[in-house]
N, C-alpha and C. Protein backbone atom coordinates (compact mmCIF):
# COMPACT_ATOMS: atom_id res chain seq x y z
N UNK A 1 55.44 -51.44 93.81
CA UNK A 1 56.01 -52.05 94.98
C UNK A 1 55.39 -51.33 96.17
N UNK A 2 55.66 -52.05 97.31
CA UNK A 2 55.04 -51.51 98.54
C UNK A 2 55.80 -50.20 98.91
N UNK A 3 57.13 -50.22 98.75
CA UNK A 3 57.85 -49.01 99.05
C UNK A 3 57.46 -47.83 98.15
N UNK A 4 57.19 -48.02 96.83
CA UNK A 4 56.72 -46.98 95.95
C UNK A 4 55.38 -46.45 96.48
N UNK A 5 54.49 -47.35 96.87
CA UNK A 5 53.17 -46.86 97.38
C UNK A 5 53.35 -46.07 98.69
N UNK A 6 54.19 -46.59 99.53
CA UNK A 6 54.39 -45.83 100.80
C UNK A 6 54.98 -44.45 100.63
N UNK A 7 55.92 -44.37 99.62
CA UNK A 7 56.50 -43.03 99.35
C UNK A 7 55.46 -42.09 98.71
N UNK A 8 54.64 -42.69 97.81
CA UNK A 8 53.49 -41.93 97.19
C UNK A 8 52.55 -41.36 98.25
N UNK A 9 52.38 -42.11 99.42
CA UNK A 9 51.48 -41.67 100.46
C UNK A 9 52.11 -40.60 101.32
N UNK A 10 53.40 -40.74 101.60
CA UNK A 10 54.03 -39.87 102.58
C UNK A 10 54.78 -38.76 101.96
N UNK A 11 55.49 -38.87 100.81
CA UNK A 11 56.37 -37.79 100.36
C UNK A 11 55.61 -36.41 100.02
N UNK A 12 54.52 -36.50 99.38
CA UNK A 12 53.89 -35.18 98.97
C UNK A 12 53.79 -34.21 100.09
N UNK A 13 53.20 -34.55 101.20
CA UNK A 13 53.07 -33.56 102.27
C UNK A 13 54.22 -33.79 103.27
N UNK A 14 54.97 -34.89 103.26
CA UNK A 14 55.98 -35.10 104.24
C UNK A 14 57.21 -34.25 104.01
N UNK A 15 57.35 -33.81 102.71
CA UNK A 15 58.46 -32.92 102.26
C UNK A 15 58.43 -31.65 103.11
N UNK A 16 57.25 -31.13 103.37
CA UNK A 16 57.05 -29.94 104.20
C UNK A 16 56.90 -30.27 105.64
N UNK A 17 56.10 -31.24 105.96
CA UNK A 17 55.71 -31.68 107.36
C UNK A 17 56.76 -32.14 108.22
N UNK A 18 57.62 -32.91 107.77
CA UNK A 18 58.69 -33.67 108.55
C UNK A 18 59.82 -32.57 109.00
N UNK A 19 60.29 -31.82 108.14
CA UNK A 19 61.22 -30.71 108.56
C UNK A 19 60.54 -29.77 109.56
N UNK A 20 59.31 -29.43 109.34
CA UNK A 20 58.63 -28.58 110.25
C UNK A 20 58.50 -29.20 111.59
N UNK A 21 58.11 -30.50 111.68
CA UNK A 21 58.16 -31.16 112.97
C UNK A 21 59.48 -31.21 113.64
N UNK A 22 60.44 -31.42 112.94
CA UNK A 22 61.89 -31.41 113.58
C UNK A 22 62.20 -29.99 114.09
N UNK A 23 61.86 -28.96 113.31
CA UNK A 23 62.14 -27.64 113.90
C UNK A 23 61.38 -27.35 115.08
N UNK A 24 60.03 -27.68 115.02
CA UNK A 24 59.18 -27.36 116.11
C UNK A 24 59.69 -28.17 117.36
N UNK A 25 60.06 -29.40 117.21
CA UNK A 25 60.56 -30.21 118.25
C UNK A 25 61.85 -29.72 118.86
N UNK A 26 62.72 -29.19 118.03
CA UNK A 26 64.02 -28.60 118.49
C UNK A 26 63.78 -27.38 119.25
N UNK A 27 62.84 -26.54 118.80
CA UNK A 27 62.52 -25.29 119.54
C UNK A 27 61.85 -25.67 120.94
N UNK A 28 61.06 -26.72 120.99
CA UNK A 28 60.55 -27.10 122.31
C UNK A 28 61.60 -27.52 123.26
N UNK A 29 62.60 -28.28 122.63
CA UNK A 29 63.68 -28.73 123.52
C UNK A 29 64.49 -27.55 124.02
N UNK A 30 64.69 -26.60 123.09
CA UNK A 30 65.39 -25.41 123.58
C UNK A 30 64.69 -24.60 124.61
N UNK A 31 63.40 -24.53 124.41
CA UNK A 31 62.58 -23.73 125.41
C UNK A 31 62.62 -24.42 126.73
N UNK A 32 62.42 -25.74 126.68
CA UNK A 32 62.58 -26.46 127.94
C UNK A 32 63.93 -26.32 128.63
N UNK A 33 64.91 -26.37 127.92
CA UNK A 33 66.23 -26.22 128.48
C UNK A 33 66.38 -24.84 129.17
N UNK A 34 65.89 -23.79 128.49
CA UNK A 34 65.97 -22.45 128.99
C UNK A 34 65.10 -22.29 130.24
N UNK A 35 63.94 -22.94 130.19
CA UNK A 35 63.06 -22.90 131.42
C UNK A 35 63.70 -23.60 132.62
N UNK A 36 64.34 -24.70 132.37
CA UNK A 36 65.00 -25.45 133.47
C UNK A 36 66.18 -24.64 133.86
N UNK A 37 66.91 -23.96 133.04
CA UNK A 37 68.01 -23.16 133.38
C UNK A 37 67.56 -22.02 134.32
N UNK A 38 66.47 -21.47 133.98
CA UNK A 38 65.82 -20.35 134.82
C UNK A 38 65.46 -20.92 136.20
N UNK A 39 64.86 -22.09 136.11
CA UNK A 39 64.34 -22.69 137.42
C UNK A 39 65.37 -23.17 138.41
N UNK A 40 66.51 -23.69 137.91
CA UNK A 40 67.55 -24.26 138.65
C UNK A 40 68.79 -23.38 138.65
N UNK A 41 68.64 -22.16 138.90
CA UNK A 41 69.82 -21.24 138.81
C UNK A 41 70.75 -21.32 140.08
N UNK A 42 70.35 -21.97 141.12
CA UNK A 42 71.05 -22.02 142.26
C UNK A 42 70.51 -21.18 143.37
N UNK A 43 70.90 -21.34 144.63
CA UNK A 43 70.40 -20.57 145.76
C UNK A 43 70.61 -19.13 145.73
N UNK A 44 71.77 -18.76 145.13
CA UNK A 44 72.06 -17.28 145.15
C UNK A 44 71.60 -16.54 143.86
N UNK A 45 71.08 -17.33 142.88
CA UNK A 45 70.57 -16.78 141.69
C UNK A 45 71.67 -16.65 140.59
N UNK A 46 72.90 -16.94 140.97
CA UNK A 46 73.99 -16.87 139.98
C UNK A 46 74.66 -18.18 139.75
N UNK A 47 74.08 -19.19 140.18
CA UNK A 47 74.77 -20.48 140.13
C UNK A 47 74.72 -21.01 138.68
N UNK A 48 75.21 -22.24 138.57
CA UNK A 48 75.28 -22.90 137.23
C UNK A 48 74.91 -24.38 137.54
N UNK A 49 73.73 -24.65 138.05
CA UNK A 49 73.27 -25.96 138.39
C UNK A 49 73.13 -26.80 137.08
N UNK A 50 72.62 -26.10 136.03
CA UNK A 50 72.59 -26.75 134.75
C UNK A 50 73.63 -26.19 133.86
N UNK A 51 74.45 -27.06 133.27
CA UNK A 51 75.66 -26.57 132.55
C UNK A 51 75.16 -25.55 131.34
N UNK A 52 75.78 -24.52 131.27
CA UNK A 52 75.49 -23.63 130.15
C UNK A 52 74.52 -22.44 130.64
N UNK A 53 73.93 -22.54 131.78
CA UNK A 53 73.09 -21.51 132.33
C UNK A 53 73.93 -20.64 133.34
N UNK A 54 73.54 -19.40 133.48
CA UNK A 54 74.18 -18.55 134.36
C UNK A 54 73.23 -17.48 134.85
N UNK A 55 73.70 -16.37 135.39
CA UNK A 55 72.93 -15.34 135.89
C UNK A 55 72.02 -14.74 134.79
N UNK A 56 72.41 -14.80 133.54
CA UNK A 56 71.60 -14.23 132.44
C UNK A 56 70.55 -15.21 131.96
N UNK A 57 70.19 -16.23 132.72
CA UNK A 57 69.18 -17.18 132.38
C UNK A 57 67.87 -16.59 132.08
N UNK A 58 67.54 -15.45 132.75
CA UNK A 58 66.34 -14.73 132.44
C UNK A 58 66.22 -14.21 131.03
N UNK A 59 67.42 -13.59 130.63
CA UNK A 59 67.56 -13.10 129.30
C UNK A 59 67.45 -14.20 128.30
N UNK A 60 68.12 -15.35 128.56
CA UNK A 60 68.12 -16.41 127.57
C UNK A 60 66.74 -17.04 127.48
N UNK A 61 66.06 -17.10 128.69
CA UNK A 61 64.62 -17.60 128.51
C UNK A 61 63.77 -16.67 127.74
N UNK A 62 63.94 -15.40 127.99
CA UNK A 62 63.12 -14.38 127.25
C UNK A 62 63.45 -14.48 125.71
N UNK A 63 64.71 -14.58 125.34
CA UNK A 63 65.05 -14.67 123.97
C UNK A 63 64.48 -15.99 123.35
N UNK A 64 64.60 -17.06 124.08
CA UNK A 64 64.25 -18.27 123.56
C UNK A 64 62.60 -18.24 123.47
N UNK A 65 62.01 -17.74 124.37
CA UNK A 65 60.53 -17.63 124.25
C UNK A 65 60.10 -16.80 122.98
N UNK A 66 60.75 -15.71 122.82
CA UNK A 66 60.50 -14.88 121.62
C UNK A 66 60.78 -15.65 120.39
N UNK A 67 61.93 -16.38 120.30
CA UNK A 67 62.21 -17.17 119.11
C UNK A 67 61.24 -18.25 118.87
N UNK A 68 60.76 -18.88 119.98
CA UNK A 68 59.77 -19.98 119.88
C UNK A 68 58.50 -19.47 119.25
N UNK A 69 58.08 -18.28 119.73
CA UNK A 69 56.85 -17.62 119.09
C UNK A 69 57.01 -17.43 117.67
N UNK A 70 58.11 -16.87 117.20
CA UNK A 70 58.36 -16.63 115.87
C UNK A 70 58.42 -17.86 115.06
N UNK A 71 58.93 -18.94 115.55
CA UNK A 71 58.99 -20.24 114.86
C UNK A 71 57.57 -20.75 114.71
N UNK A 72 56.83 -20.74 115.75
CA UNK A 72 55.41 -21.30 115.77
C UNK A 72 54.62 -20.46 114.73
N UNK A 73 54.76 -19.18 114.75
CA UNK A 73 53.97 -18.37 113.74
C UNK A 73 54.43 -18.73 112.36
N UNK A 74 55.82 -18.84 112.16
CA UNK A 74 56.33 -19.06 110.85
C UNK A 74 55.90 -20.53 110.37
N UNK A 75 55.79 -21.49 111.33
CA UNK A 75 55.48 -22.87 110.91
C UNK A 75 53.99 -23.09 110.62
N UNK A 76 53.19 -22.28 111.17
CA UNK A 76 51.72 -22.48 110.97
C UNK A 76 51.35 -22.51 109.62
N UNK A 77 51.74 -21.55 108.68
CA UNK A 77 51.37 -21.67 107.28
C UNK A 77 51.90 -22.99 106.56
N UNK A 78 53.10 -23.42 107.05
CA UNK A 78 53.63 -24.68 106.48
C UNK A 78 52.80 -25.84 106.82
N UNK A 79 52.44 -25.96 108.08
CA UNK A 79 51.53 -27.02 108.49
C UNK A 79 50.20 -26.92 107.69
N UNK A 80 49.66 -25.75 107.55
CA UNK A 80 48.45 -25.66 106.77
C UNK A 80 48.59 -26.07 105.34
N UNK A 81 49.74 -25.74 104.80
CA UNK A 81 49.95 -26.19 103.35
C UNK A 81 50.15 -27.63 103.26
N UNK A 82 50.87 -28.21 104.25
CA UNK A 82 51.08 -29.58 104.23
C UNK A 82 49.72 -30.36 104.35
N UNK A 83 48.78 -29.81 105.26
CA UNK A 83 47.46 -30.36 105.42
C UNK A 83 46.67 -30.37 104.20
N UNK A 84 46.74 -29.25 103.51
CA UNK A 84 46.05 -29.13 102.16
C UNK A 84 46.56 -30.25 101.20
N UNK A 85 47.87 -30.30 101.13
CA UNK A 85 48.46 -31.19 100.20
C UNK A 85 48.09 -32.68 100.56
N UNK A 86 48.03 -32.97 101.85
CA UNK A 86 47.74 -34.32 102.36
C UNK A 86 46.17 -34.63 102.00
N UNK A 87 45.39 -33.53 102.09
CA UNK A 87 43.88 -33.86 101.81
C UNK A 87 43.57 -33.81 100.30
N UNK A 88 44.29 -33.00 99.50
CA UNK A 88 43.86 -32.82 98.17
C UNK A 88 44.85 -33.52 97.14
N UNK A 89 46.14 -33.36 97.33
CA UNK A 89 47.11 -33.85 96.32
C UNK A 89 47.52 -35.24 96.56
N UNK A 90 47.84 -35.67 97.79
CA UNK A 90 48.27 -36.97 98.15
C UNK A 90 47.24 -38.06 97.64
N UNK A 91 45.97 -38.00 97.77
CA UNK A 91 45.10 -39.01 97.26
C UNK A 91 45.18 -39.17 95.73
N UNK A 92 45.37 -38.09 94.98
CA UNK A 92 45.55 -38.17 93.59
C UNK A 92 46.88 -38.91 93.19
N UNK A 93 47.92 -38.61 93.90
CA UNK A 93 49.18 -39.33 93.56
C UNK A 93 49.05 -40.75 93.99
N UNK A 94 48.38 -41.07 95.13
CA UNK A 94 48.33 -42.51 95.54
C UNK A 94 47.54 -43.28 94.57
N UNK A 95 46.46 -42.65 93.87
CA UNK A 95 45.69 -43.39 92.93
C UNK A 95 46.52 -43.63 91.72
N UNK A 96 47.46 -42.67 91.41
CA UNK A 96 48.40 -42.88 90.18
C UNK A 96 49.21 -44.03 90.33
N UNK A 97 49.58 -44.42 91.65
CA UNK A 97 50.48 -45.53 91.96
C UNK A 97 49.65 -46.76 92.33
N UNK A 98 48.32 -46.77 92.02
CA UNK A 98 47.59 -48.00 92.14
C UNK A 98 46.74 -48.25 93.46
N UNK A 99 46.69 -47.21 94.31
CA UNK A 99 45.93 -47.38 95.51
C UNK A 99 44.46 -47.16 95.11
N UNK A 100 43.59 -47.89 95.81
CA UNK A 100 42.11 -47.71 95.57
C UNK A 100 41.57 -47.49 96.95
N UNK A 101 40.55 -46.58 96.87
CA UNK A 101 39.93 -46.15 98.15
C UNK A 101 38.47 -46.66 98.13
């Protein structure tokens, strides 16, 4: 069926790739939130123009940037593995389910 073929094309590498994209995207959102919190601290530097930010927004931005770097470094091998699976394993599985190239 079409659904089976679609799953054969997506699942082998998608098992690794999709959660990695979600984690990378969530870290991007967190980093953006931290940067905006730092940018919009208020005129005295201790304001709370963005809910959840305060005078420690420098520390929060620094921690978030460090976490983002760790996540990017950690996700790089996962994306490489997913790419290898997509290039080498997925075509074999797709042929098993009737795809022709």
